[in-house]
Amino acid sequence: MDFVAPTTLNEAIRALELEDARCLAGGQSLVAMMNLGLVSPSRLVSLRKIELLKGIERQHGGLKIGAMVTHETLAALEDHHLLAQVARGIAYPAIRAWGTIGGSVAHADPAADYPVALLTLEATIEVESSKGSRRIAARDFFRGLFETALQKGEIVTAIHVPPQRGKAAYEKLSPVAGDFAILSVAAAGSRVVVGGYGPAPMLLEDAGKVEPMRDQRASADYRRKVLPELVRRVRERCK
């Protein structure tokens, strides 16, 4: 396996032209999948040295978050911000210091925390390739189980988050604190989104139209039963 660590975005895009090349951000998800033999990329393209992908900019009351911003950095946002609440509940300090929002977004695990929050906040994901850049609404980006709208050779470069509307809250049910979610619910104002219920995050009003997931974490019936309580909690906190 080839490993490259470019210092510019253009270099990274060129490196990804190799068949079966994969981006390496924080590595918390990809390396685990490699260890399990689930993926075997021919090349890893580390994004760690690309300064353009780091940092948070405030834009018209909202945020532009570089793909390589860590969970630890996001956890330090103002207490009321939904992303801060989410980041503080991810794993433990060592993981939060290394894992990135871009890596989590691109991985699109249905049990992950950020997809639920980004759909709630009506964020857009900025991606770039040799063909140029484009922005994809969170509702269109997360398509299914580990499936996104990313095309071959595209890199997640930033997440654009509009100003948060009113109070926000996030509740997660997991086997132990910091673990991936069995079920999660996020709310900002009157908008409520559910994660872990299906293969991709969905608006609460759509959750009643689908059969909940069944996996090693929980049955479909269990998810159906606990959902109303998590919804009640986030709505109470948003009052």
C-alpha atoms as a PDB file:
ATOM      1  CA  MET A   1       0.000   0.000   0.000  1.00  0.00           C
ATOM      2  CA  ASP A   2       1.226   3.466  -0.949  1.00  0.00           C
ATOM      3  CA  PHE A   3       1.085   6.313   1.570  1.00  0.00           C
ATOM      4  CA  VAL A   4       1.353   9.993   0.641  1.00  0.00           C
ATOM      5  CA  ALA A   5       1.022  13.145   2.747  1.00  0.00           C
ATOM      6  CA  PRO A   6       0.519  16.126   0.426  1.00  0.00           C
ATOM      7  CA  THR A   7       0.715  19.686   1.696  1.00  0.00           C
ATOM      8  CA  THR A   8      -1.754  21.226  -0.758  1.00  0.00           C
ATOM      9  CA  LEU A   9      -5.271  20.360  -1.826  1.00  0.00           C
ATOM     10  CA  ASN A  10      -4.262  20.109  -5.481  1.00  0.00           C
ATOM     11  CA  GLU A  11      -1.592  17.554  -4.609  1.00  0.00           C
ATOM     12  CA  ALA A  12      -4.140  15.528  -2.666  1.00  0.00           C
ATOM     13  CA  ILE A  13      -6.603  15.592  -5.554  1.00  0.00           C
ATOM     14  CA  ARG A  14      -3.927  14.337  -7.964  1.00  0.00           C
ATOM     15  CA  ALA A  15      -2.928  11.587  -5.529  1.00  0.00           C
ATOM     16  CA  LEU A  16      -6.523  10.358  -5.388  1.00  0.00           C
ATOM     17  CA  GLU A  17      -6.538   9.678  -9.123  1.00  0.00           C
ATOM     18  CA  LEU A  18      -5.024   6.263  -8.441  1.00  0.00           C
ATOM     19  CA  GLU A  19      -7.671   3.542  -8.533  1.00  0.00           C
ATOM     20  CA  ASP A  20      -8.932   2.645  -5.034  1.00  0.00           C
ATOM     21  CA  ALA A  21      -7.072   5.499  -3.329  1.00  0.00           C
ATOM     22  CA  ARG A  22      -8.690   6.690  -0.086  1.00  0.00           C
ATOM     23  CA  CYS A  23      -8.411   9.866   1.970  1.00  0.00           C
ATOM     24  CA  LEU A  24      -7.056   9.558   5.486  1.00  0.00           C
ATOM     25  CA  ALA A  25      -8.282  12.280   7.846  1.00  0.00           C
ATOM     26  CA  GLY A  26      -8.191  11.435  11.557  1.00  0.00           C
ATOM     27  CA  GLY A  27      -8.171   7.740  10.687  1.00  0.00           C
ATOM     28  CA  GLN A  28     -10.434   6.680  13.551  1.00  0.00           C
ATOM     29  CA  SER A  29     -12.925   4.957  11.248  1.00  0.00           C
ATOM     30  CA  LEU A  30     -10.844   4.052   8.196  1.00  0.00           C
ATOM     31  CA  VAL A  31      -7.986   2.432  10.105  1.00  0.00           C
ATOM     32  CA  ALA A  32     -10.459   0.335  12.108  1.00  0.00           C
ATOM     33  CA  MET A  33     -12.069  -0.863   8.869  1.00  0.00           C
ATOM     34  CA  MET A  34      -8.649  -1.714   7.441  1.00  0.00           C
ATOM     35  CA  ASN A  35      -7.750  -3.680  10.565  1.00  0.00           C
ATOM     36  CA  LEU A  36     -10.938  -5.699  10.140  1.00  0.00           C
ATOM     37  CA  GLY A  37     -10.149  -6.356   6.497  1.00  0.00           C
ATOM     38  CA  LEU A  38     -13.242  -4.529   5.299  1.00  0.00           C
ATOM     39  CA  VAL A  39     -11.273  -2.191   2.999  1.00  0.00           C
ATOM     40  CA  SER A  40      -7.824  -2.486   1.435  1.00  0.00           C
ATOM     41  CA  PRO A  41      -7.006   0.782  -0.369  1.00  0.00           C
ATOM     42  CA  SER A  42      -4.094   0.806  -2.788  1.00  0.00           C
ATOM     43  CA  ARG A  43      -3.094   4.264  -1.571  1.00  0.00           C
ATOM     44  CA  LEU A  44      -3.765   6.334   1.517  1.00  0.00           C
ATOM     45  CA  VAL A  45      -3.764  10.092   0.993  1.00  0.00           C
ATOM     46  CA  SER A  46      -3.254  11.819   4.336  1.00  0.00           C
ATOM     47  CA  LEU A  47      -4.884  15.242   4.671  1.00  0.00           C
ATOM     48  CA  ARG A  48      -3.116  16.061   7.932  1.00  0.00           C
ATOM     49  CA  LYS A  49      -0.594  18.515   6.435  1.00  0.00           C
ATOM     50  CA  ILE A  50      -3.059  20.552   4.356  1.00  0.00           C
ATOM     51  CA  GLU A  51      -3.471  23.815   6.256  1.00  0.00           C
ATOM     52  CA  LEU A  52      -6.330  24.941   3.991  1.00  0.00           C
ATOM     53  CA  LEU A  53      -8.556  22.270   5.550  1.00  0.00           C
ATOM     54  CA  LYS A  54      -8.010  23.439   9.118  1.00  0.00           C
ATOM     55  CA  GLY A  55      -9.703  26.176  11.084  1.00  0.00           C
ATOM     56  CA  ILE A  56     -13.156  27.663  11.617  1.00  0.00           C
ATOM     57  CA  GLU A  57     -14.353  30.882   9.994  1.00  0.00           C
ATOM     58  CA  ARG A  58     -17.383  32.895  11.063  1.00  0.00           C
ATOM     59  CA  GLN A  59     -19.462  33.936   8.073  1.00  0.00           C
ATOM     60  CA  HIS A  60     -22.635  36.035   8.386  1.00  0.00           C
ATOM     61  CA  GLY A  61     -23.472  34.510  11.744  1.00  0.00           C
ATOM     62  CA  GLY A  62     -22.749  30.974  10.579  1.00  0.00           C
ATOM     63  CA  LEU A  63     -19.633  28.838  10.444  1.00  0.00           C
ATOM     64  CA  LYS A  64     -17.316  27.495   7.767  1.00  0.00           C
ATOM     65  CA  ILE A  65     -15.624  24.480   9.332  1.00  0.00           C
ATOM     66  CA  GLY A  66     -12.563  22.979   7.672  1.00  0.00           C
ATOM     67  CA  ALA A  67     -12.740  19.242   7.098  1.00  0.00           C
ATOM     68  CA  MET A  68      -9.677  18.642   9.285  1.00  0.00           C
ATOM     69  CA  VAL A  69     -11.091  20.428  12.332  1.00  0.00           C
ATOM     70  CA  THR A  70     -11.024  18.011  15.246  1.00  0.00           C
ATOM     71  CA  HIS A  71     -13.819  16.996  17.581  1.00  0.00           C
ATOM     72  CA  GLU A  72     -11.832  18.623  20.371  1.00  0.00           C
ATOM     73  CA  THR A  73     -11.883  21.991  18.611  1.00  0.00           C
ATOM     74  CA  LEU A  74     -15.611  21.794  17.933  1.00  0.00           C
ATOM     75  CA  ALA A  75     -16.272  20.847  21.533  1.00  0.00           C
ATOM     76  CA  ALA A  76     -14.843  24.238  22.519  1.00  0.00           C
ATOM     77  CA  LEU A  77     -17.512  26.196  20.615  1.00  0.00           C
ATOM     78  CA  GLU A  78     -20.070  28.160  22.629  1.00  0.00           C
ATOM     79  CA  ASP A  79     -22.030  25.975  25.022  1.00  0.00           C
ATOM     80  CA  HIS A  80     -25.298  26.519  23.227  1.00  0.00           C
ATOM     81  CA  HIS A  81     -24.096  25.405  19.805  1.00  0.00           C
ATOM     82  CA  LEU A  82     -25.405  22.024  18.678  1.00  0.00           C
ATOM     83  CA  LEU A  83     -22.048  20.947  17.226  1.00  0.00           C
ATOM     84  CA  ALA A  84     -20.333  21.582  20.558  1.00  0.00           C
ATOM     85  CA  GLN A  85     -22.864  19.362  22.323  1.00  0.00           C
ATOM     86  CA  VAL A  86     -22.317  16.630  19.752  1.00  0.00           C
ATOM     87  CA  ALA A  87     -18.513  16.810  19.787  1.00  0.00           C
ATOM     88  CA  ARG A  88     -18.316  16.569  23.585  1.00  0.00           C
ATOM     89  CA  GLY A  89     -20.109  13.224  23.491  1.00  0.00           C
ATOM     90  CA  ILE A  90     -17.801  11.574  20.966  1.00  0.00           C
ATOM     91  CA  ALA A  91     -15.615   8.793  22.366  1.00  0.00           C
ATOM     92  CA  TYR A  92     -12.976  10.026  24.837  1.00  0.00           C
ATOM     93  CA  PRO A  93     -10.306  12.808  24.906  1.00  0.00           C
ATOM     94  CA  ALA A  94      -7.634  11.009  22.859  1.00  0.00           C
ATOM     95  CA  ILE A  95     -10.093  10.285  20.037  1.00  0.00           C
ATOM     96  CA  ARG A  96     -11.539  13.808  20.152  1.00  0.00           C
ATOM     97  CA  ALA A  97      -8.028  15.244  19.812  1.00  0.00           C
ATOM     98  CA  TRP A  98      -7.362  13.251  16.659  1.00  0.00           C
ATOM     99  CA  GLY A  99     -10.664  12.542  14.899  1.00  0.00           C
ATOM    100  CA  THR A 100     -12.060  15.091  12.436  1.00  0.00           C
ATOM    101  CA  ILE A 101     -15.483  16.237  11.336  1.00  0.00           C
ATOM    102  CA  GLY A 102     -14.595  15.748   7.664  1.00  0.00           C
ATOM    103  CA  GLY A 103     -13.578  12.139   8.207  1.00  0.00           C
ATOM    104  CA  SER A 104     -16.779  11.402  10.091  1.00  0.00           C
ATOM    105  CA  VAL A 105     -18.934  13.084   7.457  1.00  0.00           C
ATOM    106  CA  ALA A 106     -17.277  11.255   4.550  1.00  0.00           C
ATOM    107  CA  HIS A 107     -17.559   7.908   6.364  1.00  0.00           C
ATOM    108  CA  ALA A 108     -21.327   8.342   6.900  1.00  0.00           C
ATOM    109  CA  ASP A 109     -21.808   5.741   9.606  1.00  0.00           C
ATOM    110  CA  PRO A 110     -25.554   5.745  10.446  1.00  0.00           C
ATOM    111  CA  ALA A 111     -24.608   5.589  14.142  1.00  0.00           C
ATOM    112  CA  ALA A 112     -22.292   8.620  13.938  1.00  0.00           C
ATOM    113  CA  ASP A 113     -23.123  11.926  15.630  1.00  0.00           C
ATOM    114  CA  TYR A 114     -22.359  14.683  13.121  1.00  0.00           C
ATOM    115  CA  PRO A 115     -24.708  13.654  10.266  1.00  0.00           C
ATOM    116  CA  VAL A 116     -27.738  14.080  12.546  1.00  0.00           C
ATOM    117  CA  ALA A 117     -26.592  17.515  13.704  1.00  0.00           C
ATOM    118  CA  LEU A 118     -25.712  18.740  10.202  1.00  0.00           C
ATOM    119  CA  LEU A 119     -29.106  17.767   8.823  1.00  0.00           C
ATOM    120  CA  THR A 120     -30.742  19.508  11.784  1.00  0.00           C
ATOM    121  CA  LEU A 121     -28.753  22.693  11.142  1.00  0.00           C
ATOM    122  CA  GLU A 122     -29.406  22.510   7.366  1.00  0.00           C
ATOM    123  CA  ALA A 123     -25.686  22.552   6.695  1.00  0.00           C
ATOM    124  CA  THR A 124     -23.996  22.085   3.335  1.00  0.00           C
ATOM    125  CA  ILE A 125     -20.911  20.018   2.624  1.00  0.00           C
ATOM    126  CA  GLU A 126     -18.290  21.501   0.299  1.00  0.00           C
ATOM    127  CA  VAL A 127     -16.327  19.028  -1.815  1.00  0.00           C
ATOM    128  CA  GLU A 128     -13.597  19.449  -4.396  1.00  0.00           C
ATOM    129  CA  SER A 129     -12.010  17.396  -7.157  1.00  0.00           C
ATOM    130  CA  SER A 130     -10.094  17.966 -10.376  1.00  0.00           C
ATOM    131  CA  LYS A 131     -13.429  19.033 -11.898  1.00  0.00           C
ATOM    132  CA  GLY A 132     -13.850  21.890  -9.400  1.00  0.00           C
ATOM    133  CA  SER A 133     -15.815  22.414  -6.207  1.00  0.00           C
ATOM    134  CA  ARG A 134     -19.483  22.044  -5.346  1.00  0.00           C
ATOM    135  CA  ARG A 135     -21.724  22.223  -2.298  1.00  0.00           C
ATOM    136  CA  ILE A 136     -24.169  19.520  -1.331  1.00  0.00           C
ATOM    137  CA  ALA A 137     -26.982  19.988   1.169  1.00  0.00           C
ATOM    138  CA  ALA A 138     -26.707  17.609   4.129  1.00  0.00           C
ATOM    139  CA  ARG A 139     -30.141  16.196   3.280  1.00  0.00           C
ATOM    140  CA  ASP A 140     -28.742  15.085  -0.107  1.00  0.00           C
ATOM    141  CA  PHE A 141     -25.224  14.182   1.007  1.00  0.00           C
ATOM    142  CA  PHE A 142     -26.090  11.302   3.380  1.00  0.00           C
ATOM    143  CA  ARG A 143     -27.715   8.710   1.151  1.00  0.00           C
ATOM    144  CA  GLY A 144     -27.592   5.451   3.056  1.00  0.00           C
ATOM    145  CA  LEU A 145     -25.491   2.979   4.992  1.00  0.00           C
ATOM    146  CA  PHE A 146     -21.914   4.324   4.626  1.00  0.00           C
ATOM    147  CA  GLU A 147     -23.112   5.930   1.391  1.00  0.00           C
ATOM    148  CA  THR A 148     -22.738   9.592   0.441  1.00  0.00           C
ATOM    149  CA  ALA A 149     -23.047  11.794  -2.627  1.00  0.00           C
ATOM    150  CA  LEU A 150     -19.241  11.928  -2.963  1.00  0.00           C
ATOM    151  CA  GLN A 151     -18.043  11.031  -6.442  1.00  0.00           C
ATOM    152  CA  LYS A 152     -14.749   9.396  -7.378  1.00  0.00           C
ATOM    153  CA  GLY A 153     -11.830  11.705  -6.586  1.00  0.00           C
ATOM    154  CA  GLU A 154     -13.833  14.177  -4.476  1.00  0.00           C
ATOM    155  CA  ILE A 155     -12.596  15.381  -1.100  1.00  0.00           C
ATOM    156  CA  VAL A 156     -14.709  16.898   1.658  1.00  0.00           C
ATOM    157  CA  THR A 157     -13.061  20.285   2.211  1.00  0.00           C
ATOM    158  CA  ALA A 158     -15.460  22.179   4.477  1.00  0.00           C
ATOM    159  CA  ILE A 159     -18.833  22.176   6.192  1.00  0.00           C
ATOM    160  CA  HIS A 160     -20.945  25.325   5.983  1.00  0.00           C
ATOM    161  CA  VAL A 161     -23.319  25.777   8.906  1.00  0.00           C
ATOM    162  CA  PRO A 162     -25.907  28.590   8.812  1.00  0.00           C
ATOM    163  CA  PRO A 163     -26.733  30.585  11.955  1.00  0.00           C
ATOM    164  CA  GLN A 164     -28.353  28.345  14.536  1.00  0.00           C
ATOM    165  CA  ARG A 165     -32.040  29.070  14.984  1.00  0.00           C
ATOM    166  CA  GLY A 166     -32.896  29.322  18.677  1.00  0.00           C
ATOM    167  CA  LYS A 167     -31.935  26.738  21.248  1.00  0.00           C
ATOM    168  CA  ALA A 168     -30.559  23.378  20.176  1.00  0.00           C
ATOM    169  CA  ALA A 169     -30.230  20.004  21.871  1.00  0.00           C
ATOM    170  CA  TYR A 170     -28.771  16.573  21.201  1.00  0.00           C
ATOM    171  CA  GLU A 171     -29.588  13.304  22.925  1.00  0.00           C
ATOM    172  CA  LYS A 172     -27.867  10.002  22.252  1.00  0.00           C
ATOM    173  CA  LEU A 173     -28.603   6.511  23.508  1.00  0.00           C
ATOM    174  CA  SER A 174     -25.451   4.371  23.421  1.00  0.00           C
ATOM    175  CA  PRO A 175     -24.145   1.231  25.189  1.00  0.00           C
ATOM    176  CA  VAL A 176     -21.591   3.305  27.104  1.00  0.00           C
ATOM    177  CA  ALA A 177     -20.822   7.026  27.237  1.00  0.00           C
ATOM    178  CA  GLY A 178     -19.056   8.206  24.099  1.00  0.00           C
ATOM    179  CA  ASP A 179     -19.889   5.119  22.043  1.00  0.00           C
ATOM    180  CA  PHE A 180     -21.638   5.165  18.677  1.00  0.00           C
ATOM    181  CA  ALA A 181     -25.369   5.715  18.967  1.00  0.00           C
ATOM    182  CA  ILE A 182     -28.044   3.090  19.127  1.00  0.00           C
ATOM    183  CA  LEU A 183     -30.350   6.007  18.475  1.00  0.00           C
ATOM    184  CA  SER A 184     -29.857   9.778  18.471  1.00  0.00           C
ATOM    185  CA  VAL A 185     -32.086  12.818  18.165  1.00  0.00           C
ATOM    186  CA  ALA A 186     -31.112  16.432  17.492  1.00  0.00           C
ATOM    187  CA  ALA A 187     -33.285  19.542  17.526  1.00  0.00           C
ATOM    188  CA  ALA A 188     -32.776  23.185  16.641  1.00  0.00           C
ATOM    189  CA  GLY A 189     -35.860  25.295  17.096  1.00  0.00           C
ATOM    190  CA  SER A 190     -38.775  23.207  15.836  1.00  0.00           C
ATOM    191  CA  ARG A 191     -36.655  21.064  13.501  1.00  0.00           C
ATOM    192  CA  VAL A 192     -36.031  17.536  14.800  1.00  0.00           C
ATOM    193  CA  VAL A 193     -33.811  14.916  13.144  1.00  0.00           C
ATOM    194  CA  VAL A 194     -33.326  11.255  14.053  1.00  0.00           C
ATOM    195  CA  GLY A 195     -30.118   9.237  13.632  1.00  0.00           C
ATOM    196  CA  GLY A 196     -29.529   5.512  13.939  1.00  0.00           C
ATOM    197  CA  TYR A 197     -33.159   4.807  13.084  1.00  0.00           C
ATOM    198  CA  GLY A 198     -32.479   4.160   9.409  1.00  0.00           C
ATOM    199  CA  PRO A 199     -29.430   3.956   7.127  1.00  0.00           C
ATOM    200  CA  ALA A 200     -29.203   7.766   7.011  1.00  0.00           C
ATOM    201  CA  PRO A 201     -30.386  10.593   9.278  1.00  0.00           C
ATOM    202  CA  MET A 202     -33.968  11.683   8.662  1.00  0.00           C
ATOM    203  CA  LEU A 203     -36.495  14.270   9.733  1.00  0.00           C
ATOM    204  CA  LEU A 204     -38.701  13.119  12.595  1.00  0.00           C
ATOM    205  CA  GLU A 205     -41.820  13.278  10.430  1.00  0.00           C
ATOM    206  CA  ASP A 206     -40.225  10.794   8.004  1.00  0.00           C
ATOM    207  CA  ALA A 207     -39.210   8.326  10.724  1.00  0.00           C
ATOM    208  CA  GLY A 208     -42.794   7.140  11.124  1.00  0.00           C
ATOM    209  CA  LYS A 209     -42.841   6.058   7.485  1.00  0.00           C
ATOM    210  CA  VAL A 210     -39.933   3.599   7.665  1.00  0.00           C
ATOM    211  CA  GLU A 211     -39.073   0.396   9.478  1.00  0.00           C
ATOM    212  CA  PRO A 212     -36.311   1.019  12.048  1.00  0.00           C
ATOM    213  CA  MET A 213     -32.937  -0.617  11.571  1.00  0.00           C
ATOM    214  CA  ARG A 214     -32.052  -3.929  13.186  1.00  0.00           C
ATOM    215  CA  ASP A 215     -28.395  -4.586  13.998  1.00  0.00           C
ATOM    216  CA  GLN A 216     -26.065  -5.876  16.706  1.00  0.00           C
ATOM    217  CA  ARG A 217     -26.812  -2.810  18.861  1.00  0.00           C
ATOM    218  CA  ALA A 218     -30.585  -3.104  19.069  1.00  0.00           C
ATOM    219  CA  SER A 219     -33.746  -4.459  17.491  1.00  0.00           C
ATOM    220  CA  ALA A 220     -36.123  -2.436  15.371  1.00  0.00           C
ATOM    221  CA  ASP A 221     -38.780  -2.725  18.080  1.00  0.00           C
ATOM    222  CA  TYR A 222     -36.423  -1.331  20.735  1.00  0.00           C
ATOM    223  CA  ARG A 223     -35.555   1.673  18.579  1.00  0.00           C
ATOM    224  CA  ARG A 224     -39.242   2.319  17.948  1.00  0.00           C
ATOM    225  CA  LYS A 225     -40.019   2.242  21.658  1.00  0.00           C
ATOM    226  CA  VAL A 226     -37.232   4.566  22.853  1.00  0.00           C
ATOM    227  CA  LEU A 227     -37.564   7.179  20.105  1.00  0.00           C
ATOM    228  CA  PRO A 228     -40.464   9.115  21.744  1.00  0.00           C
ATOM    229  CA  GLU A 229     -38.479   9.597  24.960  1.00  0.00           C
ATOM    230  CA  LEU A 230     -35.421  11.009  23.176  1.00  0.00           C
ATOM    231  CA  VAL A 231     -37.676  13.326  21.185  1.00  0.00           C
ATOM    232  CA  ARG A 232     -39.343  14.481  24.385  1.00  0.00           C
ATOM    233  CA  ARG A 233     -35.972  15.267  25.947  1.00  0.00           C
ATOM    234  CA  VAL A 234     -34.644  17.390  23.087  1.00  0.00           C
ATOM    235  CA  ARG A 235     -37.904  19.287  22.779  1.00  0.00           C
ATOM    236  CA  GLU A 236     -37.896  19.990  26.496  1.00  0.00           C
ATOM    237  CA  ARG A 237     -34.349  21.307  26.319  1.00  0.00           C
ATOM    238  CA  CYS A 238     -35.218  23.548  23.364  1.00  0.00           C
ATOM    239  CA  LYS A 239     -37.985  25.381  25.225  1.00  0.00           C
END
